[in-house]
Amino acid sequence: MDTNALSDREATEVADGVYLAQLAVGQRMSIQHFHIEPGATVPEHSHEHEQTGFIYGGALTFIVDGEEFTTEQGDSYAIPSDEPHAAENRTDKPVRGIDIFSPPRLDVPWE
């Protein structure tokens, strides 16, 4: 068994105000923590990984195929593999959450 504490992981700023920290990685999935500052944007991107996530602080607006979906504290979401998507923190509070990727996502193309 492998355990990881968020406090032991250094977050990487992958876009202005967007921070990611890789947590546990298994053979078939990985988990990542994110912190997105007010006004920050995750640029549109896609990846082979199926992505599910959970917002535990703040609110995040996803843009998928021109449609907007706002997720708030306590909400979860699922993004199919290869679906282009972006996200924006349109609030005055940071957004915090976790993403789970399958297969494991070990790199972020916009780094």
N, C-alpha and C. Protein backbone atom coordinates (compact mmCIF):
# COMPACT_ATOMS: atom_id res chain seq x y z
N MET A 1 0.85 -1.19 0.00
CA MET A 1 0.00 0.00 0.00
C MET A 1 0.88 1.24 0.00
N ASP A 2 0.43 2.26 -0.71
CA ASP A 2 1.14 3.53 -0.79
C ASP A 2 0.23 4.61 -0.21
N THR A 3 0.77 5.46 0.64
CA THR A 3 0.00 6.58 1.18
C THR A 3 0.71 7.88 0.86
N ASN A 4 -0.07 8.95 0.69
CA ASN A 4 0.48 10.27 0.37
C ASN A 4 -0.29 11.32 1.13
N ALA A 5 0.39 12.26 1.74
CA ALA A 5 -0.24 13.39 2.41
C ALA A 5 -0.10 14.62 1.54
N LEU A 6 -1.19 15.36 1.37
CA LEU A 6 -1.13 16.59 0.59
C LEU A 6 -0.06 17.53 1.13
N SER A 7 0.10 17.57 2.44
CA SER A 7 1.10 18.46 3.04
C SER A 7 2.53 18.09 2.66
N ASP A 8 2.73 16.87 2.19
CA ASP A 8 4.07 16.43 1.77
C ASP A 8 4.33 16.66 0.28
N ARG A 9 3.33 17.12 -0.45
CA ARG A 9 3.46 17.30 -1.90
C ARG A 9 3.57 18.78 -2.23
N GLU A 10 4.48 19.08 -3.13
CA GLU A 10 4.62 20.46 -3.59
C GLU A 10 3.74 20.67 -4.81
N ALA A 11 2.91 21.71 -4.77
CA ALA A 11 2.04 22.02 -5.90
C ALA A 11 2.85 22.74 -6.97
N THR A 12 2.49 22.47 -8.22
CA THR A 12 3.12 23.10 -9.37
C THR A 12 2.12 24.07 -10.00
N GLU A 13 2.56 25.30 -10.27
CA GLU A 13 1.69 26.26 -10.95
C GLU A 13 1.75 25.96 -12.45
N VAL A 14 0.64 25.44 -13.00
CA VAL A 14 0.62 25.01 -14.40
C VAL A 14 0.05 26.08 -15.33
N ALA A 15 -0.64 27.05 -14.77
CA ALA A 15 -1.13 28.23 -15.48
C ALA A 15 -1.26 29.30 -14.40
N ASP A 16 -1.37 30.56 -14.78
CA ASP A 16 -1.46 31.63 -13.78
C ASP A 16 -2.57 31.34 -12.78
N GLY A 17 -2.19 31.12 -11.52
CA GLY A 17 -3.16 30.91 -10.46
C GLY A 17 -3.76 29.52 -10.39
N VAL A 18 -3.22 28.57 -11.16
CA VAL A 18 -3.72 27.19 -11.17
C VAL A 18 -2.61 26.28 -10.66
N TYR A 19 -2.87 25.61 -9.54
CA TYR A 19 -1.86 24.78 -8.89
C TYR A 19 -2.33 23.33 -8.81
N LEU A 20 -1.45 22.41 -9.18
CA LEU A 20 -1.74 20.99 -9.14
C LEU A 20 -0.71 20.27 -8.29
N ALA A 21 -1.16 19.27 -7.54
CA ALA A 21 -0.26 18.43 -6.75
C ALA A 21 -0.65 16.97 -6.99
N GLN A 22 0.29 16.21 -7.51
CA GLN A 22 0.06 14.79 -7.73
C GLN A 22 0.01 14.07 -6.39
N LEU A 23 -1.01 13.25 -6.19
CA LEU A 23 -1.12 12.46 -4.97
C LEU A 23 -0.86 11.00 -5.33
N ALA A 24 -1.68 10.09 -4.87
CA ALA A 24 -1.44 8.66 -5.09
C ALA A 24 -1.59 8.29 -6.57
N VAL A 25 -0.74 7.36 -7.00
CA VAL A 25 -0.78 6.85 -8.37
C VAL A 25 -0.82 5.33 -8.30
N GLY A 26 -1.83 4.76 -8.95
CA GLY A 26 -1.95 3.32 -9.04
C GLY A 26 -1.69 2.85 -10.46
N GLN A 27 -1.94 1.59 -10.72
CA GLN A 27 -1.73 1.05 -12.06
C GLN A 27 -2.80 1.50 -13.03
N ARG A 28 -4.01 1.78 -12.54
CA ARG A 28 -5.12 2.11 -13.43
C ARG A 28 -5.73 3.48 -13.21
N MET A 29 -5.28 4.20 -12.18
CA MET A 29 -5.82 5.53 -11.92
C MET A 29 -4.84 6.35 -11.10
N SER A 30 -5.08 7.66 -11.08
CA SER A 30 -4.28 8.56 -10.25
C SER A 30 -5.20 9.62 -9.66
N ILE A 31 -4.75 10.23 -8.57
CA ILE A 31 -5.52 11.29 -7.93
C ILE A 31 -4.63 12.53 -7.82
N GLN A 32 -5.24 13.66 -8.07
CA GLN A 32 -4.51 14.93 -8.11
C GLN A 32 -5.32 15.97 -7.35
N HIS A 33 -4.64 16.80 -6.56
CA HIS A 33 -5.28 17.90 -5.87
C HIS A 33 -5.13 19.16 -6.71
N PHE A 34 -6.16 20.02 -6.71
CA PHE A 34 -6.02 21.31 -7.41
C PHE A 34 -6.47 22.46 -6.52
N HIS A 35 -5.85 23.59 -6.77
CA HIS A 35 -6.15 24.86 -6.10
C HIS A 35 -6.15 25.91 -7.21
N ILE A 36 -7.28 26.62 -7.36
CA ILE A 36 -7.41 27.61 -8.43
C ILE A 36 -7.79 28.94 -7.81
N GLU A 37 -6.94 29.92 -8.01
CA GLU A 37 -7.13 31.25 -7.43
C GLU A 37 -8.31 31.98 -8.11
N PRO A 38 -8.89 32.96 -7.41
CA PRO A 38 -9.96 33.77 -8.01
C PRO A 38 -9.50 34.39 -9.33
N GLY A 39 -10.35 34.29 -10.34
CA GLY A 39 -10.06 34.87 -11.65
C GLY A 39 -9.18 34.01 -12.54
N ALA A 40 -8.65 32.91 -12.04
CA ALA A 40 -7.74 32.06 -12.84
C ALA A 40 -8.52 31.16 -13.79
N THR A 41 -7.84 30.79 -14.88
CA THR A 41 -8.44 29.96 -15.92
C THR A 41 -7.56 28.76 -16.22
N VAL A 42 -8.19 27.61 -16.32
CA VAL A 42 -7.52 26.41 -16.83
C VAL A 42 -7.77 26.44 -18.33
N PRO A 43 -6.73 26.56 -19.16
CA PRO A 43 -6.93 26.67 -20.60
C PRO A 43 -7.62 25.42 -21.18
N GLU A 44 -8.29 25.61 -22.30
CA GLU A 44 -8.93 24.47 -22.95
C GLU A 44 -7.88 23.42 -23.31
N HIS A 45 -8.20 22.18 -23.04
CA HIS A 45 -7.31 21.06 -23.31
C HIS A 45 -8.13 19.78 -23.37
N SER A 46 -7.52 18.73 -23.81
CA SER A 46 -8.15 17.41 -23.77
C SER A 46 -7.05 16.40 -23.49
N HIS A 47 -7.46 15.22 -23.08
CA HIS A 47 -6.50 14.16 -22.78
C HIS A 47 -7.20 12.82 -22.89
N GLU A 48 -6.41 11.78 -23.04
CA GLU A 48 -6.97 10.44 -23.19
C GLU A 48 -7.63 9.93 -21.92
N HIS A 49 -7.35 10.57 -20.81
CA HIS A 49 -7.81 10.10 -19.51
C HIS A 49 -9.27 10.46 -19.26
N GLU A 50 -10.03 9.51 -18.74
CA GLU A 50 -11.33 9.83 -18.19
C GLU A 50 -11.05 10.57 -16.89
N GLN A 51 -11.82 11.63 -16.61
CA GLN A 51 -11.57 12.47 -15.45
C GLN A 51 -12.84 12.61 -14.62
N THR A 52 -12.73 12.29 -13.34
CA THR A 52 -13.81 12.56 -12.40
C THR A 52 -13.24 13.44 -11.31
N GLY A 53 -14.09 14.21 -10.67
CA GLY A 53 -13.58 15.11 -9.64
C GLY A 53 -14.62 15.49 -8.63
N PHE A 54 -14.13 16.16 -7.58
CA PHE A 54 -14.98 16.60 -6.47
C PHE A 54 -14.49 17.97 -6.00
N ILE A 55 -15.41 18.92 -5.89
CA ILE A 55 -15.10 20.26 -5.40
C ILE A 55 -15.37 20.28 -3.89
N TYR A 56 -14.35 20.59 -3.08
CA TYR A 56 -14.59 20.68 -1.63
C TYR A 56 -14.47 22.10 -1.11
N GLY A 57 -14.20 23.05 -1.99
CA GLY A 57 -14.16 24.45 -1.59
C GLY A 57 -14.31 25.36 -2.78
N GLY A 58 -15.22 26.32 -2.70
CA GLY A 58 -15.39 27.28 -3.78
C GLY A 58 -16.33 26.80 -4.87
N ALA A 59 -16.23 27.44 -6.03
CA ALA A 59 -17.07 27.10 -7.19
C ALA A 59 -16.24 27.24 -8.45
N LEU A 60 -16.44 26.33 -9.39
CA LEU A 60 -15.66 26.30 -10.62
C LEU A 60 -16.61 26.14 -11.80
N THR A 61 -16.42 26.96 -12.83
CA THR A 61 -17.24 26.86 -14.04
C THR A 61 -16.44 26.16 -15.12
N PHE A 62 -16.98 25.04 -15.61
CA PHE A 62 -16.38 24.30 -16.73
C PHE A 62 -17.02 24.78 -18.02
N ILE A 63 -16.23 24.84 -19.08
CA ILE A 63 -16.73 25.16 -20.42
C ILE A 63 -16.43 23.95 -21.29
N VAL A 64 -17.51 23.32 -21.78
CA VAL A 64 -17.38 22.11 -22.59
C VAL A 64 -18.25 22.29 -23.83
N ASP A 65 -17.61 22.33 -24.99
CA ASP A 65 -18.34 22.46 -26.26
C ASP A 65 -19.27 23.67 -26.25
N GLY A 66 -18.78 24.80 -25.70
CA GLY A 66 -19.55 26.03 -25.66
C GLY A 66 -20.60 26.10 -24.56
N GLU A 67 -20.79 25.01 -23.83
CA GLU A 67 -21.78 24.99 -22.75
C GLU A 67 -21.06 25.15 -21.41
N GLU A 68 -21.69 25.88 -20.49
CA GLU A 68 -21.09 26.12 -19.18
C GLU A 68 -21.78 25.29 -18.10
N PHE A 69 -20.96 24.74 -17.21
CA PHE A 69 -21.44 23.95 -16.09
C PHE A 69 -20.75 24.47 -14.83
N THR A 70 -21.53 24.95 -13.87
CA THR A 70 -20.94 25.45 -12.64
C THR A 70 -21.03 24.39 -11.56
N THR A 71 -19.89 24.07 -10.97
CA THR A 71 -19.82 23.11 -9.87
C THR A 71 -19.45 23.87 -8.61
N GLU A 72 -20.09 23.51 -7.52
CA GLU A 72 -19.87 24.19 -6.25
C GLU A 72 -19.43 23.19 -5.20
N GLN A 73 -19.05 23.70 -4.05
CA GLN A 73 -18.63 22.85 -2.94
C GLN A 73 -19.64 21.72 -2.73
N GLY A 74 -19.13 20.50 -2.71
CA GLY A 74 -19.98 19.32 -2.53
C GLY A 74 -20.39 18.65 -3.83
N ASP A 75 -20.06 19.27 -4.98
CA ASP A 75 -20.43 18.71 -6.29
C ASP A 75 -19.31 17.82 -6.83
N SER A 76 -19.71 16.82 -7.60
CA SER A 76 -18.74 16.00 -8.34
C SER A 76 -19.07 16.11 -9.82
N TYR A 77 -18.15 15.65 -10.66
CA TYR A 77 -18.32 15.75 -12.11
C TYR A 77 -17.54 14.63 -12.79
N ALA A 78 -17.89 14.40 -14.05
CA ALA A 78 -17.19 13.41 -14.88
C ALA A 78 -17.01 13.99 -16.27
N ILE A 79 -15.80 13.88 -16.79
CA ILE A 79 -15.46 14.37 -18.13
C ILE A 79 -14.94 13.17 -18.93
N PRO A 80 -15.60 12.82 -20.04
CA PRO A 80 -15.14 11.68 -20.83
C PRO A 80 -13.75 11.92 -21.42
N SER A 81 -13.07 10.84 -21.74
CA SER A 81 -11.74 10.97 -22.35
C SER A 81 -11.86 11.69 -23.69
N ASP A 82 -10.81 12.45 -24.02
CA ASP A 82 -10.68 13.18 -25.29
C ASP A 82 -11.70 14.30 -25.49
N GLU A 83 -12.45 14.70 -24.45
CA GLU A 83 -13.40 15.79 -24.59
C GLU A 83 -12.72 17.12 -24.23
N PRO A 84 -12.62 18.06 -25.19
CA PRO A 84 -12.01 19.36 -24.89
C PRO A 84 -12.80 20.08 -23.79
N HIS A 85 -12.08 20.65 -22.82
CA HIS A 85 -12.73 21.36 -21.73
C HIS A 85 -11.79 22.41 -21.16
N ALA A 86 -12.39 23.43 -20.55
CA ALA A 86 -11.66 24.49 -19.86
C ALA A 86 -12.40 24.73 -18.56
N ALA A 87 -11.80 25.51 -17.66
CA ALA A 87 -12.45 25.84 -16.39
C ALA A 87 -12.02 27.23 -15.94
N GLU A 88 -12.93 27.91 -15.27
CA GLU A 88 -12.66 29.26 -14.78
C GLU A 88 -13.18 29.42 -13.36
N ASN A 89 -12.39 30.09 -12.54
CA ASN A 89 -12.86 30.48 -11.22
C ASN A 89 -13.36 31.91 -11.34
N ARG A 90 -14.66 32.06 -11.39
CA ARG A 90 -15.28 33.37 -11.58
C ARG A 90 -15.69 34.01 -10.25
N THR A 91 -15.20 33.46 -9.16
CA THR A 91 -15.58 33.97 -7.85
C THR A 91 -14.41 34.71 -7.20
N ASP A 92 -14.64 35.22 -6.01
CA ASP A 92 -13.59 35.92 -5.27
C ASP A 92 -12.95 35.02 -4.20
N LYS A 93 -13.20 33.70 -4.30
CA LYS A 93 -12.63 32.74 -3.36
C LYS A 93 -11.89 31.65 -4.13
N PRO A 94 -10.83 31.09 -3.55
CA PRO A 94 -10.13 29.98 -4.22
C PRO A 94 -11.04 28.76 -4.36
N VAL A 95 -10.74 27.95 -5.37
CA VAL A 95 -11.43 26.67 -5.57
C VAL A 95 -10.45 25.58 -5.20
N ARG A 96 -10.94 24.58 -4.46
CA ARG A 96 -10.11 23.43 -4.10
C ARG A 96 -10.89 22.16 -4.38
N GLY A 97 -10.16 21.16 -4.90
CA GLY A 97 -10.81 19.90 -5.19
C GLY A 97 -9.81 18.83 -5.55
N ILE A 98 -10.35 17.69 -5.93
CA ILE A 98 -9.52 16.58 -6.36
C ILE A 98 -10.02 16.08 -7.71
N ASP A 99 -9.10 15.58 -8.50
CA ASP A 99 -9.41 14.92 -9.77
C ASP A 99 -8.86 13.52 -9.73
N ILE A 100 -9.60 12.59 -10.30
CA ILE A 100 -9.15 11.22 -10.46
C ILE A 100 -9.10 10.94 -11.95
N PHE A 101 -7.99 10.38 -12.41
CA PHE A 101 -7.78 10.10 -13.83
C PHE A 101 -7.58 8.61 -14.05
N SER A 102 -8.18 8.11 -15.13
CA SER A 102 -7.94 6.74 -15.55
C SER A 102 -7.80 6.72 -17.06
N PRO A 103 -6.68 6.20 -17.59
CA PRO A 103 -5.51 5.70 -16.88
C PRO A 103 -4.81 6.83 -16.12
N PRO A 104 -3.80 6.48 -15.30
CA PRO A 104 -3.11 7.51 -14.52
C PRO A 104 -2.59 8.65 -15.39
N ARG A 105 -2.75 9.86 -14.91
CA ARG A 105 -2.23 11.04 -15.62
C ARG A 105 -1.03 11.56 -14.84
N LEU A 106 0.14 11.39 -15.45
CA LEU A 106 1.37 11.74 -14.76
C LEU A 106 2.00 13.02 -15.26
N ASP A 107 1.52 13.55 -16.38
CA ASP A 107 2.09 14.79 -16.92
C ASP A 107 0.96 15.74 -17.27
N VAL A 108 1.28 17.00 -17.29
CA VAL A 108 0.31 18.02 -17.68
C VAL A 108 0.91 18.77 -18.86
N PRO A 109 0.26 18.70 -20.04
CA PRO A 109 0.87 19.27 -21.25
C PRO A 109 1.19 20.75 -21.20
N TRP A 110 0.49 21.53 -20.39
CA TRP A 110 0.76 22.97 -20.41
C TRP A 110 1.82 23.38 -19.41
N GLU A 111 2.50 22.42 -18.77
CA GLU A 111 3.59 22.75 -17.85
C GLU A 111 4.76 23.27 -18.64
